[in-house]
All heavy atoms as atom14 arrays in JSON, in Angstrom:
{
  "sequence": "GPCPPSGIHRYFFKLYALDILLQSKAGFTK",
  "atom14_mask": [
    [1, 1, 1, 1, 0, 0, 0, 0, 0, 0, 0, 0, 0, 0],
    [1, 1, 1, 1, 1, 1, 1, 0, 0, 0, 0, 0, 0, 0],
    [1, 1, 1, 1, 1, 1, 0, 0, 0, 0, 0, 0, 0, 0],
    [1, 1, 1, 1, 1, 1, 1, 0, 0, 0, 0, 0, 0, 0],
    [1, 1, 1, 1, 1, 1, 1, 0, 0, 0, 0, 0, 0, 0],
    [1, 1, 1, 1, 1, 1, 0, 0, 0, 0, 0, 0, 0, 0],
    [1, 1, 1, 1, 0, 0, 0, 0, 0, 0, 0, 0, 0, 0],
    [1, 1, 1, 1, 1, 1, 1, 1, 0, 0, 0, 0, 0, 0],
    [1, 1, 1, 1, 1, 1, 1, 1, 1, 1, 0, 0, 0, 0],
    [1, 1, 1, 1, 1, 1, 1, 1, 1, 1, 1, 0, 0, 0],
    [1, 1, 1, 1, 1, 1, 1, 1, 1, 1, 1, 1, 0, 0],
    [1, 1, 1, 1, 1, 1, 1, 1, 1, 1, 1, 0, 0, 0],
    [1, 1, 1, 1, 1, 1, 1, 1, 1, 1, 1, 0, 0, 0],
    [1, 1, 1, 1, 1, 1, 1, 1, 1, 0, 0, 0, 0, 0],
    [1, 1, 1, 1, 1, 1, 1, 1, 0, 0, 0, 0, 0, 0],
    [1, 1, 1, 1, 1, 1, 1, 1, 1, 1, 1, 1, 0, 0],
    [1, 1, 1, 1, 1, 0, 0, 0, 0, 0, 0, 0, 0, 0],
    [1, 1, 1, 1, 1, 1, 1, 1, 0, 0, 0, 0, 0, 0],
    [1, 1, 1, 1, 1, 1, 1, 1, 0, 0, 0, 0, 0, 0],
    [1, 1, 1, 1, 1, 1, 1, 1, 0, 0, 0, 0, 0, 0],
    [1, 1, 1, 1, 1, 1, 1, 1, 0, 0, 0, 0, 0, 0],
    [1, 1, 1, 1, 1, 1, 1, 1, 0, 0, 0, 0, 0, 0],
    [1, 1, 1, 1, 1, 1, 1, 1, 1, 0, 0, 0, 0, 0],
    [1, 1, 1, 1, 1, 1, 0, 0, 0, 0, 0, 0, 0, 0],
    [1, 1, 1, 1, 1, 1, 1, 1, 1, 0, 0, 0, 0, 0],
    [1, 1, 1, 1, 1, 0, 0, 0, 0, 0, 0, 0, 0, 0],
    [1, 1, 1, 1, 0, 0, 0, 0, 0, 0, 0, 0, 0, 0],
    [1, 1, 1, 1, 1, 1, 1, 1, 1, 1, 1, 0, 0, 0],
    [1, 1, 1, 1, 1, 1, 1, 0, 0, 0, 0, 0, 0, 0],
    [1, 1, 1, 1, 1, 1, 1, 1, 1, 0, 0, 0, 0, 0]
  ],
  "atom14_positions": [
    [[1.5, -4.96, -15.15], [0.69, -6.1, -15.56], [1.2, -6.84, -16.77], [2.13, -6.42, -17.44], [0.0, 0.0, 0.0], [0.0, 0.0, 0.0], [0.0, 0.0, 0.0], [0.0, 0.0, 0.0], [0.0, 0.0, 0.0], [0.0, 0.0, 0.0], [0.0, 0.0, 0.0], [0.0, 0.0, 0.0], [0.0, 0.0, 0.0], [0.0, 0.0, 0.0]],
    [[0.57, -7.98, -17.06], [0.93, -8.78, -18.22], [0.86, -7.97, -19.51], [-0.04, -7.16, -19.71], [-0.13, -9.89, -18.23], [-0.53, -10.03, -16.8], [-0.49, -8.63, -16.27], [0.0, 0.0, 0.0], [0.0, 0.0, 0.0], [0.0, 0.0, 0.0], [0.0, 0.0, 0.0], [0.0, 0.0, 0.0], [0.0, 0.0, 0.0], [0.0, 0.0, 0.0]],
    [[1.84, -8.21, -20.39], [1.92, -7.52, -21.67], [2.79, -8.36, -22.62], [3.81, -7.89, -23.11], [2.51, -6.12, -21.46], [2.24, -5.01, -22.84], [0.0, 0.0, 0.0], [0.0, 0.0, 0.0], [0.0, 0.0, 0.0], [0.0, 0.0, 0.0], [0.0, 0.0, 0.0], [0.0, 0.0, 0.0], [0.0, 0.0, 0.0], [0.0, 0.0, 0.0]],
    [[2.4, -9.62, -22.87], [3.26, -10.5, -23.66], [3.38, -10.03, -25.11], [2.4, -9.57, -25.69], [2.55, -11.85, -23.57], [1.13, -11.52, -23.33], [1.13, -10.27, -22.5], [0.0, 0.0, 0.0], [0.0, 0.0, 0.0], [0.0, 0.0, 0.0], [0.0, 0.0, 0.0], [0.0, 0.0, 0.0], [0.0, 0.0, 0.0], [0.0, 0.0, 0.0]],
    [[4.57, -10.14, -25.69], [4.76, -9.71, -27.08], [4.03, -10.59, -28.09], [3.63, -10.12, -29.15], [6.27, -9.78, -27.28], [6.76, -10.74, -26.26], [5.81, -10.63, -25.09], [0.0, 0.0, 0.0], [0.0, 0.0, 0.0], [0.0, 0.0, 0.0], [0.0, 0.0, 0.0], [0.0, 0.0, 0.0], [0.0, 0.0, 0.0], [0.0, 0.0, 0.0]],
    [[3.85, -11.87, -27.74], [3.11, -12.78, -28.64], [2.7, -14.02, -27.85], [3.31, -14.37, -26.85], [3.98, -13.19, -29.83], [5.1, -13.93, -29.38], [0.0, 0.0, 0.0], [0.0, 0.0, 0.0], [0.0, 0.0, 0.0], [0.0, 0.0, 0.0], [0.0, 0.0, 0.0], [0.0, 0.0, 0.0], [0.0, 0.0, 0.0], [0.0, 0.0, 0.0]],
    [[1.66, -14.67, -28.34], [1.23, -15.93, -27.75], [0.62, -15.81, -26.37], [0.46, -14.72, -25.82], [0.0, 0.0, 0.0], [0.0, 0.0, 0.0], [0.0, 0.0, 0.0], [0.0, 0.0, 0.0], [0.0, 0.0, 0.0], [0.0, 0.0, 0.0], [0.0, 0.0, 0.0], [0.0, 0.0, 0.0], [0.0, 0.0, 0.0], [0.0, 0.0, 0.0]],
    [[0.29, -16.96, -25.82], [-0.27, -17.04, -24.47], [0.88, -17.24, -23.49], [1.71, -18.12, -23.68], [-1.28, -18.21, -24.36], [-2.48, -17.97, -25.28], [-1.74, -18.37, -22.91], [-3.42, -19.15, -25.37], [0.0, 0.0, 0.0], [0.0, 0.0, 0.0], [0.0, 0.0, 0.0], [0.0, 0.0, 0.0], [0.0, 0.0, 0.0], [0.0, 0.0, 0.0]],
    [[0.91, -16.42, -22.46], [1.91, -16.55, -21.4], [1.22, -16.94, -20.1], [0.07, -16.59, -19.87], [2.66, -15.23, -21.19], [3.65, -14.94, -22.26], [4.89, -14.43, -22.01], [3.59, -15.08, -23.61], [5.55, -14.27, -23.13], [4.77, -14.65, -24.13], [0.0, 0.0, 0.0], [0.0, 0.0, 0.0], [0.0, 0.0, 0.0], [0.0, 0.0, 0.0]],
    [[1.98, -17.63, -19.24], [1.51, -17.98, -17.9], [2.1, -16.96, -16.92], [3.28, -16.61, -17.02], [1.95, -19.38, -17.5], [1.39, -20.48, -18.38], [2.1, -21.79, -18.14], [3.53, -21.63, -18.43], [4.5, -22.2, -17.72], [4.24, -22.98, -16.7], [5.77, -21.99, -18.05], [0.0, 0.0, 0.0], [0.0, 0.0, 0.0], [0.0, 0.0, 0.0]],
    [[1.3, -16.54, -15.96], [1.72, -15.57, -14.95], [1.46, -16.16, -13.58], [0.36, -16.63, -13.3], [0.96, -14.25, -15.13], [1.3, -13.61, -16.45], [0.6, -13.92, -17.61], [2.37, -12.72, -16.54], [0.95, -13.36, -18.82], [2.72, -12.15, -17.75], [2.01, -12.48, -18.89], [2.37, -11.92, -20.08], [0.0, 0.0, 0.0], [0.0, 0.0, 0.0]],
    [[2.5, -16.14, -12.74], [2.41, -16.75, -11.42], [2.49, -15.71, -10.31], [3.43, -14.92, -10.27], [3.55, -17.76, -11.23], [3.4, -18.98, -12.09], [3.89, -19.0, -13.38], [2.74, -20.1, -11.61], [3.75, -20.12, -14.18], [2.6, -21.23, -12.41], [3.1, -21.24, -13.7], [0.0, 0.0, 0.0], [0.0, 0.0, 0.0], [0.0, 0.0, 0.0]],
    [[1.5, -15.73, -9.43], [1.54, -14.98, -8.18], [1.99, -16.0, -7.15], [1.33, -17.03, -6.98], [0.16, -14.46, -7.79], [-0.38, -13.39, -8.7], [-1.12, -13.71, -9.82], [-0.15, -12.05, -8.39], [-1.63, -12.72, -10.65], [-0.67, -11.05, -9.22], [-1.4, -11.39, -10.35], [0.0, 0.0, 0.0], [0.0, 0.0, 0.0], [0.0, 0.0, 0.0]],
    [[3.11, -15.76, -6.47], [3.57, -16.66, -5.42], [3.65, -15.88, -4.12], [4.33, -14.86, -4.03], [4.93, -17.26, -5.78], [4.85, -18.22, -6.95], [6.15, -18.89, -7.23], [6.02, -19.8, -8.44], [7.31, -20.34, -8.85], [0.0, 0.0, 0.0], [0.0, 0.0, 0.0], [0.0, 0.0, 0.0], [0.0, 0.0, 0.0], [0.0, 0.0, 0.0]],
    [[2.96, -16.4, -3.12], [2.91, -15.76, -1.81], [3.65, -16.65, -0.82], [3.4, -17.85, -0.74], [1.45, -15.59, -1.37], [1.21, -14.82, -0.09], [1.63, -13.35, -0.23], [-0.26, -14.92, 0.31], [0.0, 0.0, 0.0], [0.0, 0.0, 0.0], [0.0, 0.0, 0.0], [0.0, 0.0, 0.0], [0.0, 0.0, 0.0], [0.0, 0.0, 0.0]],
    [[4.57, -16.05, -0.08], [5.4, -16.78, 0.87], [5.07, -16.31, 2.29], [5.04, -15.1, 2.56], [6.88, -16.51, 0.61], [7.34, -16.91, -0.77], [7.29, -16.0, -1.82], [7.81, -18.19, -1.01], [7.7, -16.37, -3.1], [8.23, -18.56, -2.29], [8.17, -17.64, -3.32], [8.58, -18.0, -4.58], [0.0, 0.0, 0.0], [0.0, 0.0, 0.0]],
    [[4.85, -17.26, 3.2], [4.69, -16.98, 4.62], [6.07, -17.11, 5.25], [6.71, -18.15, 5.13], [3.71, -17.96, 5.26], [0.0, 0.0, 0.0], [0.0, 0.0, 0.0], [0.0, 0.0, 0.0], [0.0, 0.0, 0.0], [0.0, 0.0, 0.0], [0.0, 0.0, 0.0], [0.0, 0.0, 0.0], [0.0, 0.0, 0.0], [0.0, 0.0, 0.0]],
    [[6.54, -16.04, 5.89], [7.9, -16.0, 6.44], [7.88, -15.93, 7.96], [6.98, -15.33, 8.55], [8.65, -14.79, 5.9], [8.67, -14.63, 4.38], [9.33, -13.31, 3.99], [9.36, -15.8, 3.73], [0.0, 0.0, 0.0], [0.0, 0.0, 0.0], [0.0, 0.0, 0.0], [0.0, 0.0, 0.0], [0.0, 0.0, 0.0], [0.0, 0.0, 0.0]],
    [[8.9, -16.49, 8.58], [9.01, -16.45, 10.05], [9.79, -15.23, 10.54], [10.13, -15.14, 11.71], [9.62, -17.74, 10.59], [11.06, -17.96, 10.16], [11.64, -17.1, 9.46], [11.62, -19.02, 10.51], [0.0, 0.0, 0.0], [0.0, 0.0, 0.0], [0.0, 0.0, 0.0], [0.0, 0.0, 0.0], [0.0, 0.0, 0.0], [0.0, 0.0, 0.0]],
    [[10.04, -14.28, 9.64], [10.75, -13.04, 10.0], [10.13, -11.85, 9.28], [9.4, -12.0, 8.3], [12.26, -13.08, 9.62], [12.43, -13.27, 8.11], [13.0, -14.14, 10.4], [13.84, -13.05, 7.6], [0.0, 0.0, 0.0], [0.0, 0.0, 0.0], [0.0, 0.0, 0.0], [0.0, 0.0, 0.0], [0.0, 0.0, 0.0], [0.0, 0.0, 0.0]],
    [[10.46, -10.67, 9.77], [10.19, -9.42, 9.08], [11.51, -9.09, 8.38], [12.56, -9.09, 9.01], [9.82, -8.33, 10.09], [9.3, -7.02, 9.53], [8.0, -7.23, 8.77], [9.07, -6.04, 10.67], [0.0, 0.0, 0.0], [0.0, 0.0, 0.0], [0.0, 0.0, 0.0], [0.0, 0.0, 0.0], [0.0, 0.0, 0.0], [0.0, 0.0, 0.0]],
    [[11.47, -8.87, 7.08], [12.7, -8.67, 6.32], [13.31, -7.3, 6.58], [12.61, -6.29, 6.58], [12.43, -8.84, 4.82], [11.99, -10.24, 4.43], [11.48, -10.26, 2.99], [13.12, -11.24, 4.61], [0.0, 0.0, 0.0], [0.0, 0.0, 0.0], [0.0, 0.0, 0.0], [0.0, 0.0, 0.0], [0.0, 0.0, 0.0], [0.0, 0.0, 0.0]],
    [[14.6, -7.28, 6.8], [15.35, -6.05, 7.03], [16.08, -5.72, 5.74], [16.94, -6.49, 5.32], [16.35, -6.22, 8.17], [15.73, -6.66, 9.48], [14.76, -5.63, 10.02], [15.02, -4.44, 10.0], [13.62, -6.1, 10.49], [0.0, 0.0, 0.0], [0.0, 0.0, 0.0], [0.0, 0.0, 0.0], [0.0, 0.0, 0.0], [0.0, 0.0, 0.0]],
    [[15.72, -4.63, 5.1], [16.39, -4.29, 3.86], [16.15, -2.85, 3.49], [15.24, -2.2, 3.98], [15.89, -5.21, 2.75], [15.32, -4.5, 1.7], [0.0, 0.0, 0.0], [0.0, 0.0, 0.0], [0.0, 0.0, 0.0], [0.0, 0.0, 0.0], [0.0, 0.0, 0.0], [0.0, 0.0, 0.0], [0.0, 0.0, 0.0], [0.0, 0.0, 0.0]],
    [[16.98, -2.39, 2.58], [16.73, -1.11, 1.95], [15.54, -1.32, 1.02], [15.29, -2.42, 0.56], [17.95, -0.67, 1.15], [19.2, -0.54, 1.97], [20.38, -0.27, 1.07], [21.65, -0.35, 1.9], [22.85, -0.34, 1.09], [0.0, 0.0, 0.0], [0.0, 0.0, 0.0], [0.0, 0.0, 0.0], [0.0, 0.0, 0.0], [0.0, 0.0, 0.0]],
    [[14.83, -0.24, 0.71], [13.7, -0.35, -0.21], [14.19, -0.84, -1.57], [15.32, -0.57, -1.96], [13.0, 0.99, -0.33], [0.0, 0.0, 0.0], [0.0, 0.0, 0.0], [0.0, 0.0, 0.0], [0.0, 0.0, 0.0], [0.0, 0.0, 0.0], [0.0, 0.0, 0.0], [0.0, 0.0, 0.0], [0.0, 0.0, 0.0], [0.0, 0.0, 0.0]],
    [[13.35, -1.56, -2.27], [13.65, -1.94, -3.63], [14.26, -3.31, -3.82], [15.06, -3.49, -4.72], [0.0, 0.0, 0.0], [0.0, 0.0, 0.0], [0.0, 0.0, 0.0], [0.0, 0.0, 0.0], [0.0, 0.0, 0.0], [0.0, 0.0, 0.0], [0.0, 0.0, 0.0], [0.0, 0.0, 0.0], [0.0, 0.0, 0.0], [0.0, 0.0, 0.0]],
    [[13.88, -4.3, -3.01], [14.32, -5.67, -3.24], [14.06, -6.06, -4.7], [12.98, -5.81, -5.23], [13.51, -6.64, -2.39], [14.14, -7.08, -1.11], [13.42, -7.02, 0.07], [15.43, -7.59, -1.08], [13.97, -7.46, 1.27], [15.99, -8.04, 0.1], [15.26, -7.97, 1.28], [0.0, 0.0, 0.0], [0.0, 0.0, 0.0], [0.0, 0.0, 0.0]],
    [[15.01, -6.71, -5.33], [14.77, -7.4, -6.6], [14.35, -8.82, -6.25], [14.48, -9.24, -5.09], [16.04, -7.45, -7.47], [17.04, -8.19, -6.74], [16.55, -6.05, -7.81], [0.0, 0.0, 0.0], [0.0, 0.0, 0.0], [0.0, 0.0, 0.0], [0.0, 0.0, 0.0], [0.0, 0.0, 0.0], [0.0, 0.0, 0.0], [0.0, 0.0, 0.0]],
    [[13.91, -9.6, -7.24], [13.53, -10.98, -6.97], [14.71, -11.75, -6.4], [14.57, -12.48, -5.41], [13.01, -11.66, -8.23], [12.62, -13.11, -8.02], [12.16, -13.78, -9.3], [11.87, -15.25, -9.05], [11.5, -15.95, -10.3], [0.0, 0.0, 0.0], [0.0, 0.0, 0.0], [0.0, 0.0, 0.0], [0.0, 0.0, 0.0], [0.0, 0.0, 0.0]]
  ]
}
């Protein structure tokens, strides 16, 4: 969760609808 060191930060949840099921090893990075 959010834990900013100082000040007000903005946090974005972005949800994507995809036309495929992703094939990958576990642990995708952004």
